[in-house]
Protein backbone atom coordinates (compact mmCIF):
# COMPACT_ATOMS: atom_id res chain seq x y z
CA MET A 1 0.00 0.00 0.00
CA MET A 2 1.52 3.31 -1.02
CA ARG A 3 1.98 5.82 1.76
CA LYS A 4 0.04 9.04 1.54
CA THR A 5 2.50 11.80 0.92
CA LYS A 6 2.74 15.51 0.73
CA PHE A 7 -0.13 16.38 -1.57
CA SER A 8 -2.61 14.15 0.21
CA LEU A 9 -2.28 16.46 3.20
CA ALA A 10 -4.74 18.69 1.37
CA ILE A 11 -7.41 16.12 2.21
CA ILE A 12 -7.24 17.31 5.83
CA PHE A 13 -8.48 20.69 4.72
CA SER A 14 -10.89 19.60 2.02
CA SER A 15 -12.58 17.13 4.34
CA SER A 16 -13.52 20.05 6.56
CA LEU A 17 -15.35 21.50 3.55
CA CYS A 18 -17.56 18.48 2.89
CA PHE A 19 -20.41 19.86 4.94
CA LEU A 20 -20.28 22.97 2.75
CA GLY A 21 -21.19 20.94 -0.31
CA CYS A 22 -17.84 21.39 -2.05
CA GLY A 23 -17.52 18.40 -4.32
CA ARG A 24 -13.87 18.92 -5.30
CA ASN A 25 -10.65 18.41 -3.40
CA GLN A 26 -8.68 21.45 -4.53
CA THR A 27 -4.92 21.27 -4.40
CA ALA A 28 -2.26 23.03 -6.38
CA PRO A 29 -2.56 22.32 -10.08
CA LEU A 30 0.19 24.86 -10.84
CA SER A 31 -1.46 26.16 -14.02
CA GLU A 32 -2.25 22.68 -15.23
CA GLY A 33 -5.42 20.69 -14.68
CA GLY A 34 -6.93 17.53 -16.00
CA GLU A 35 -6.54 13.98 -14.87
CA ASN A 36 -2.93 14.33 -13.70
CA SER A 37 -3.58 17.17 -11.29
CA PRO A 38 -3.52 16.54 -7.51
CA THR A 39 -7.16 17.63 -7.47
CA SER A 40 -8.26 14.71 -9.57
CA ALA A 41 -5.73 12.33 -8.04
CA ALA A 42 -7.12 12.93 -4.56
CA ALA A 43 -10.58 12.08 -5.79
CA LYS A 44 -9.56 8.81 -7.43
CA PRO A 45 -10.56 5.59 -5.68
CA ALA A 46 -7.83 3.47 -4.15
CA GLU A 47 -8.67 0.61 -6.54
CA LEU A 48 -7.09 2.40 -9.51
CA PRO A 49 -3.66 1.18 -10.69
CA LEU A 50 -0.69 2.55 -8.82
CA ASP A 51 0.55 4.44 -11.86
CA GLN A 52 -2.62 6.52 -11.70
CA GLN A 53 -2.15 7.31 -8.01
CA THR A 54 1.30 8.86 -7.99
CA GLU A 55 3.12 11.73 -9.60
CA GLN A 56 6.36 10.73 -7.92
CA LYS A 57 9.48 10.82 -10.04
CA LEU A 58 10.22 7.21 -10.89
CA ASP A 59 13.99 7.59 -11.22
CA PRO A 60 16.36 8.21 -8.30
CA LEU A 61 16.74 11.83 -7.26
CA THR A 62 19.73 13.80 -8.54
CA GLY A 63 21.66 16.64 -7.01
CA ASP A 64 19.84 19.08 -9.28
CA ASP A 65 16.48 17.71 -8.11
CA VAL A 66 17.38 18.23 -4.47
CA ASP A 67 18.80 21.69 -5.14
CA LEU A 68 15.54 22.71 -6.81
CA TYR A 69 13.42 21.23 -4.02
CA LEU A 70 15.44 22.97 -1.31
CA LYS A 71 15.43 26.28 -3.17
CA ILE A 72 11.64 26.25 -3.42
CA MET A 73 10.99 24.89 0.06
CA ARG A 74 13.34 27.39 1.72
CA ALA A 75 11.51 30.24 0.00
CA ALA A 76 8.16 28.68 0.93
CA ALA A 77 9.14 28.30 4.57
CA GLU A 78 10.18 31.95 4.74
CA ARG A 79 6.88 32.99 3.25
CA VAL A 80 4.98 30.88 5.76
CA LYS A 81 6.92 32.43 8.62
CA ASN A 82 6.44 35.94 7.22
CA ARG A 83 3.03 35.90 5.59
CA ALA A 84 2.38 38.36 2.80
CA PRO A 85 -0.67 40.58 3.38
CA ALA A 86 -2.52 38.83 0.55
CA ASP A 87 -1.89 35.42 2.14
CA LEU A 88 -3.14 36.63 5.51
CA THR A 89 -6.25 38.05 3.89
CA THR A 90 -6.92 34.73 2.14
CA LEU A 91 -6.64 32.79 5.41
CA GLU A 92 -8.92 35.23 7.23
CA GLU A 93 -11.50 35.06 4.46
CA ALA A 94 -11.34 31.26 4.58
CA LYS A 95 -12.06 31.32 8.31
CA LYS A 96 -15.16 33.42 7.69
CA ILE A 97 -16.35 31.07 4.97
CA LEU A 98 -15.85 28.05 7.20
CA ALA A 99 -17.72 29.75 10.02
CA ALA A 100 -20.57 30.54 7.65
CA GLY A 101 -20.57 26.93 6.52
CA ALA A 102 -20.86 25.75 10.10
CA ALA A 103 -23.97 27.92 10.31
CA GLY A 104 -25.40 26.19 7.25
CA ARG A 105 -24.48 28.68 4.51
CA ALA A 106 -22.83 27.12 1.46
CA PRO A 107 -19.97 29.12 -0.09
CA SER A 108 -20.32 31.02 -3.34
CA ALA A 109 -18.19 30.18 -6.36
CA ASP A 110 -15.73 32.87 -5.24
CA GLY A 111 -15.80 31.40 -1.75
CA VAL A 112 -14.83 27.98 -3.08
CA LYS A 113 -11.89 29.59 -4.91
CA THR A 114 -10.85 31.34 -1.71
CA LEU A 115 -10.93 28.06 0.21
CA ALA A 116 -8.84 26.38 -2.46
CA ARG A 117 -6.29 29.19 -2.34
CA ALA A 118 -6.24 29.05 1.46
CA ASN A 119 -5.47 25.36 1.23
CA LEU A 120 -2.40 26.15 -0.86
CA VAL A 121 -1.33 29.01 1.37
CA ALA A 122 -1.70 26.85 4.46
CA ILE A 123 0.05 23.60 3.51
CA SER A 124 1.29 23.87 -0.09
CA MET A 125 3.08 27.19 -0.20
CA ASP A 126 5.89 25.55 -2.13
CA GLN A 127 3.54 25.03 -5.06
CA ILE A 128 2.71 28.73 -5.10
CA VAL A 129 6.42 29.57 -4.98
CA ALA A 130 7.22 27.07 -7.74
CA GLU A 131 4.60 28.62 -9.98
CA GLU A 132 5.93 32.12 -9.30
CA MET A 133 9.42 30.85 -10.18
CA LYS A 134 8.05 29.49 -13.48
CA VAL A 135 9.04 25.95 -12.54
CA ASP A 136 7.12 23.23 -14.38
CA GLY A 137 4.44 22.09 -11.94
CA ARG A 138 4.46 18.41 -12.79
CA THR A 139 8.24 18.22 -12.60
CA TYR A 140 8.30 19.88 -9.20
CA ARG A 141 5.50 17.73 -7.79
CA GLY A 142 7.30 14.60 -8.96
CA ILE A 143 10.46 15.66 -7.14
CA ALA A 144 8.59 16.73 -4.01
CA GLU A 145 6.68 13.45 -3.88
CA ALA A 146 9.92 11.52 -4.19
CA VAL A 147 11.58 13.51 -1.41
CA GLU A 148 8.64 13.41 0.95
CA SER A 149 7.99 9.73 0.37
CA VAL A 150 11.11 8.99 2.40
CA VAL A 151 11.35 11.98 4.76
CA PRO A 152 8.63 12.14 7.43
CA ASN A 153 6.51 15.15 8.21
CA SER A 154 6.91 15.29 11.96
CA SER A 155 4.28 18.01 12.31
CA ALA A 156 1.68 15.62 10.88
CA GLY A 157 2.64 12.99 13.44
CA LYS A 158 3.05 10.26 10.84
CA PRO A 159 6.41 8.72 10.00
CA ALA A 160 7.27 8.02 6.40
CA GLY A 161 8.26 4.66 5.08
CA ASP A 162 6.72 2.67 7.94
CA GLY A 163 6.66 -0.48 5.86
CA ALA A 164 6.42 -2.95 8.76
CA ALA A 165 2.78 -3.68 8.08
CA GLY A 166 3.13 -7.41 7.50
CA ALA A 167 3.18 -9.38 4.27
CA PRO A 168 1.75 -7.70 1.16
CA GLU A 169 -1.65 -8.84 -0.05
CA HIS A 170 -0.26 -9.60 -3.50
CA PRO A 171 3.13 -9.84 -5.19
CA PRO A 172 4.44 -6.35 -5.99
CA THR A 173 3.73 -5.05 -9.46
CA PRO A 174 6.69 -3.88 -11.56
CA LEU A 175 5.82 -0.27 -10.71
CA GLU A 176 5.53 -1.00 -7.00
CA LYS A 177 8.90 -2.73 -7.12
CA ARG A 178 10.39 0.21 -8.98
CA LEU A 179 8.99 2.68 -6.44
CA SER A 180 10.37 0.59 -3.59
CA ASP A 181 13.83 0.48 -5.17
CA VAL A 182 13.75 4.21 -5.96
CA ASN A 183 12.63 5.06 -2.43
CA GLY A 184 15.48 3.00 -1.01
CA ALA A 185 18.00 4.82 -3.17
CA ASN A 186 16.47 8.20 -2.36
CA MET A 187 16.52 7.52 1.37
CA LYS A 188 20.28 6.98 1.22
CA PHE A 189 20.89 9.91 -1.13
CA LEU A 190 18.92 12.32 1.05
CA GLY A 191 20.80 11.40 4.22
CA PRO A 192 22.93 14.59 4.31
CA TYR A 193 19.88 16.78 3.63
CA ARG A 194 17.40 14.94 5.82
CA GLU A 195 17.48 17.23 8.85
CA GLU A 196 16.93 20.40 6.84
CA ILE A 197 14.22 18.80 4.70
CA GLN A 198 12.37 17.58 7.77
CA SER A 199 12.52 21.06 9.26
CA LEU A 200 11.23 22.69 6.08
CA ILE A 201 8.39 20.18 5.73
CA GLY A 202 7.42 20.84 9.34
CA VAL A 203 6.96 24.52 8.52
CA VAL A 204 5.37 24.33 5.07
CA ARG A 205 3.14 21.28 5.62
CA ASN A 206 2.06 21.91 9.20
CA PRO A 207 -1.68 21.10 9.51
CA ALA A 208 -1.85 23.76 12.23
CA ASN A 209 -1.56 26.32 9.40
CA LEU A 210 -4.99 25.37 8.09
CA PRO A 211 -7.77 27.90 8.74
CA LYS A 212 -10.34 26.73 11.25
């Protein structure tokens, strides 16, 4: 069973919107939509093939990959620590919309967009930064998934790579085997960067950032 990684954290926020009647799980498509976006991926049932459930880069990470990830995550962490006025406004507006939803008032179309943006601001600031840096969204997500598949988000209270769940229900598929091998290689490669990555993830992906 593939571990839920970085982008699935958005489910924490979107699940709080279910009572508002929002049918979509909105996460950062980075100027691209369609069936490969995190939005659609989060809505896919677990029965779909593994290659339709991951955007993770399927080759071992390189030095350039890690440099790009760290560059974006460092900038994202700084922006989380020092919120821009527009980001603060988005989070405050999201709180009001959630409060209205608790009182039984469904959000408007603009309200849904605000909630989606607040989701990004709260736990996917790196995707906003990547877009502003003109980095290809799919490429960045693939790298981030690969990194965060083997480095735990301590703020979410869930360790990564906890594969001691007993025997698999079926022999691994070729893609599952490839992911396992790649994750093993990435875990070793990221050793020197692990502490910084874990710290950055704890800032950028902290569920406590979500508006309530």
